Amino acid sequence: MAGVGLTAQRVLALVALACLGMLGFGLYLQHGVGLNPCPMCIVQRYALIAVALLALLGTRTGRPLMQVVVALLVTLSAGLGAFTAARQSWLQWYPPETVNCGRDFYGMVENFPLQRAIPMIFKGSGDCSQVDWTFLGGSIANWSFLVFSLFLLTGLALAWSAWRAR
């Protein structure tokens, strides 16, 4: 990465910043626009948080072996996010006829005891196969897949670079 003028720490800082931007945009869509996240959206948020935290951790290490470990963990977290986004994209392209992957908030509170409803609330309430928002023809899941794939490739490139430098 040195040939491009970017150190591994700077690249990881950019990855962390991109994750925070995506999380912020997701919260805007949820609270500002009123889109309900589905359970798969929640999993993707957790994957973004993991990538961001690992990338921030990677900005603090200069040892090549630790950089390899952090980069591989970023790759693994991004892979989980990409897999989830790909599965959600598949559900959006080929929606099931009767399956819904979440309940609405009020339905959970009214129909379940509180100790069971609270964990369900954090699982999301939207329908994973529904496309609520698009940009340039791609849904949120489609764009998430592309970004997670970019993070995955970046993690692999950083791991390879750090492995060669050790």
Protein backbone atom coordinates (compact mmCIF):
# COMPACT_ATOMS: atom_id res chain seq x y z
CA MET A 1 0.00 0.00 0.00
CA ALA A 2 3.01 2.30 0.36
CA GLY A 3 3.22 2.76 -3.44
CA VAL A 4 -0.13 4.55 -3.31
CA GLY A 5 0.97 6.79 -0.43
CA LEU A 6 -1.40 5.22 2.08
CA THR A 7 -0.21 3.38 5.12
CA ALA A 8 -2.16 0.44 6.50
CA GLN A 9 -3.20 2.59 9.46
CA ARG A 10 -4.64 5.27 7.16
CA VAL A 11 -6.51 2.72 5.08
CA LEU A 12 -7.99 1.18 8.23
CA ALA A 13 -8.95 4.65 9.47
CA LEU A 14 -10.78 5.22 6.16
CA VAL A 15 -12.54 1.86 6.53
CA ALA A 16 -13.62 2.77 10.07
CA LEU A 17 -14.84 6.18 8.88
CA ALA A 18 -16.81 4.57 6.05
CA CYS A 19 -18.41 2.15 8.52
CA LEU A 20 -19.41 4.99 10.81
CA GLY A 21 -20.85 6.85 7.83
CA MET A 22 -22.89 3.82 6.81
CA LEU A 23 -24.14 3.33 10.35
CA GLY A 24 -25.10 6.99 10.54
CA PHE A 25 -26.93 6.78 7.22
CA GLY A 26 -28.76 3.66 8.40
CA LEU A 27 -29.87 5.48 11.53
CA TYR A 28 -31.01 8.42 9.40
CA LEU A 29 -33.07 6.09 7.22
CA GLN A 30 -34.55 4.51 10.33
CA HIS A 31 -35.28 7.60 12.43
CA GLY A 32 -35.41 10.37 9.83
CA VAL A 33 -37.15 8.62 6.94
CA GLY A 34 -39.04 6.04 9.01
CA LEU A 35 -37.75 2.80 7.46
CA ASN A 36 -37.85 -0.16 9.84
CA PRO A 37 -34.70 -2.29 9.80
CA CYS A 38 -35.24 -6.00 9.32
CA PRO A 39 -33.33 -8.69 11.25
CA MET A 40 -30.81 -8.99 8.41
CA CYS A 41 -30.27 -5.22 8.50
CA ILE A 42 -29.53 -5.49 12.22
CA VAL A 43 -26.97 -8.25 11.57
CA GLN A 44 -25.34 -6.05 8.94
CA ARG A 45 -25.17 -3.21 11.46
CA TYR A 46 -23.40 -5.50 13.93
CA ALA A 47 -20.97 -6.51 11.18
CA LEU A 48 -20.32 -2.81 10.42
CA ILE A 49 -19.66 -2.16 14.10
CA ALA A 50 -17.24 -5.10 14.22
CA VAL A 51 -15.41 -3.93 11.09
CA ALA A 52 -15.21 -0.36 12.46
CA LEU A 53 -13.89 -1.46 15.87
CA LEU A 54 -11.35 -3.84 14.35
CA ALA A 55 -10.22 -1.20 11.86
CA LEU A 56 -9.79 1.31 14.68
CA LEU A 57 -7.79 -1.29 16.60
CA GLY A 58 -5.66 -1.77 13.49
CA THR A 59 -4.83 1.94 13.37
CA ARG A 60 -3.11 1.56 16.75
CA THR A 61 -0.80 -1.31 15.87
CA GLY A 62 2.39 -1.06 13.88
CA ARG A 63 3.59 -4.62 14.30
CA PRO A 64 3.19 -6.53 11.03
CA LEU A 65 1.95 -9.75 12.64
CA MET A 66 -0.75 -7.87 14.57
CA GLN A 67 -1.68 -6.06 11.35
CA VAL A 68 -2.15 -9.44 9.66
CA VAL A 69 -4.41 -10.63 12.48
CA VAL A 70 -6.48 -7.44 12.51
CA ALA A 71 -6.78 -7.39 8.72
CA LEU A 72 -7.96 -11.01 8.68
CA LEU A 73 -10.51 -10.26 11.41
CA VAL A 74 -11.73 -7.27 9.36
CA THR A 75 -11.99 -9.63 6.38
CA LEU A 76 -13.97 -12.16 8.42
CA SER A 77 -16.38 -9.53 9.77
CA ALA A 78 -16.83 -8.02 6.32
CA GLY A 79 -17.44 -11.49 4.94
CA LEU A 80 -20.25 -12.04 7.45
CA GLY A 81 -21.79 -8.71 6.46
CA ALA A 82 -21.40 -9.47 2.74
CA PHE A 83 -22.99 -12.91 3.17
CA THR A 84 -25.95 -11.43 5.04
CA ALA A 85 -26.37 -8.63 2.48
CA ALA A 86 -26.14 -11.14 -0.38
CA ARG A 87 -28.80 -13.32 1.25
CA GLN A 88 -31.06 -10.31 1.74
CA SER A 89 -30.51 -9.25 -1.89
CA TRP A 90 -31.51 -12.76 -2.95
CA LEU A 91 -34.69 -12.51 -0.88
CA GLN A 92 -35.44 -9.16 -2.51
CA TRP A 93 -34.91 -10.48 -6.02
CA TYR A 94 -36.85 -13.71 -5.36
CA PRO A 95 -39.22 -12.89 -2.50
CA PRO A 96 -40.91 -15.80 -0.73
CA GLU A 97 -44.67 -15.88 -1.02
CA THR A 98 -45.55 -16.06 2.67
CA VAL A 99 -42.39 -15.72 4.72
CA ASN A 100 -41.79 -12.52 6.65
CA CYS A 101 -38.63 -12.21 8.73
CA GLY A 102 -39.87 -9.92 11.45
CA ARG A 103 -42.83 -8.66 13.51
CA ASP A 104 -43.87 -5.08 14.05
CA PHE A 105 -43.00 -3.36 17.33
CA TYR A 106 -46.54 -3.06 18.69
CA GLY A 107 -47.39 -6.62 17.75
CA MET A 108 -44.42 -7.87 19.79
CA VAL A 109 -45.28 -5.77 22.86
CA GLU A 110 -48.99 -6.64 22.76
CA ASN A 111 -48.63 -10.37 22.09
CA PHE A 112 -45.58 -11.36 24.13
CA PRO A 113 -44.45 -10.93 27.74
CA LEU A 114 -41.94 -8.11 28.21
CA GLN A 115 -39.00 -10.45 28.91
CA ARG A 116 -39.61 -12.05 25.51
CA ALA A 117 -40.54 -8.87 23.63
CA ILE A 118 -37.39 -6.89 24.51
CA PRO A 119 -34.96 -9.29 22.76
CA MET A 120 -37.31 -9.43 19.78
CA ILE A 121 -37.27 -5.63 19.49
CA PHE A 122 -33.52 -5.65 18.94
CA LYS A 123 -33.89 -8.21 16.17
CA GLY A 124 -35.56 -5.69 13.87
CA SER A 125 -39.10 -5.48 12.62
CA GLY A 126 -39.06 -4.88 8.88
CA ASP A 127 -39.57 -7.41 6.11
CA CYS A 128 -36.20 -8.58 4.74
CA SER A 129 -37.56 -9.14 1.24
CA GLN A 130 -39.13 -5.68 0.92
CA VAL A 131 -37.23 -2.97 -0.98
CA ASP A 132 -37.99 0.33 0.76
CA TRP A 133 -35.24 2.53 -0.67
CA THR A 134 -33.07 2.49 -3.81
CA PHE A 135 -30.16 4.47 -5.17
CA LEU A 136 -29.04 4.09 -8.80
CA GLY A 137 -31.21 0.98 -9.05
CA GLY A 138 -29.68 -0.79 -6.05
CA SER A 139 -31.37 -1.51 -2.73
CA ILE A 140 -29.77 -0.97 0.65
CA ALA A 141 -28.82 -4.65 0.73
CA ASN A 142 -27.25 -4.44 -2.75
CA TRP A 143 -25.14 -1.43 -1.76
CA SER A 144 -24.22 -3.03 1.56
CA PHE A 145 -23.00 -6.11 -0.29
CA LEU A 146 -20.78 -3.98 -2.52
CA VAL A 147 -19.32 -2.04 0.41
CA PHE A 148 -18.77 -5.16 2.53
CA SER A 149 -17.07 -6.79 -0.47
CA LEU A 150 -14.80 -3.75 -0.78
CA PHE A 151 -13.95 -4.02 2.93
CA LEU A 152 -13.28 -7.74 2.49
CA LEU A 153 -10.90 -7.14 -0.41
CA THR A 154 -9.23 -4.29 1.48
CA GLY A 155 -8.72 -6.57 4.48
CA LEU A 156 -7.18 -9.27 2.30
CA ALA A 157 -4.88 -6.74 0.61
CA LEU A 158 -3.78 -5.34 3.97
CA ALA A 159 -3.19 -8.83 5.38
CA TRP A 160 -1.11 -9.79 2.34
CA SER A 161 0.89 -6.57 2.52
CA ALA A 162 1.54 -6.94 6.25
CA TRP A 163 2.44 -10.62 5.83
CA ARG A 164 5.03 -9.75 3.19
CA ALA A 165 6.44 -6.97 5.41
CA ARG A 166 7.00 -9.17 8.44
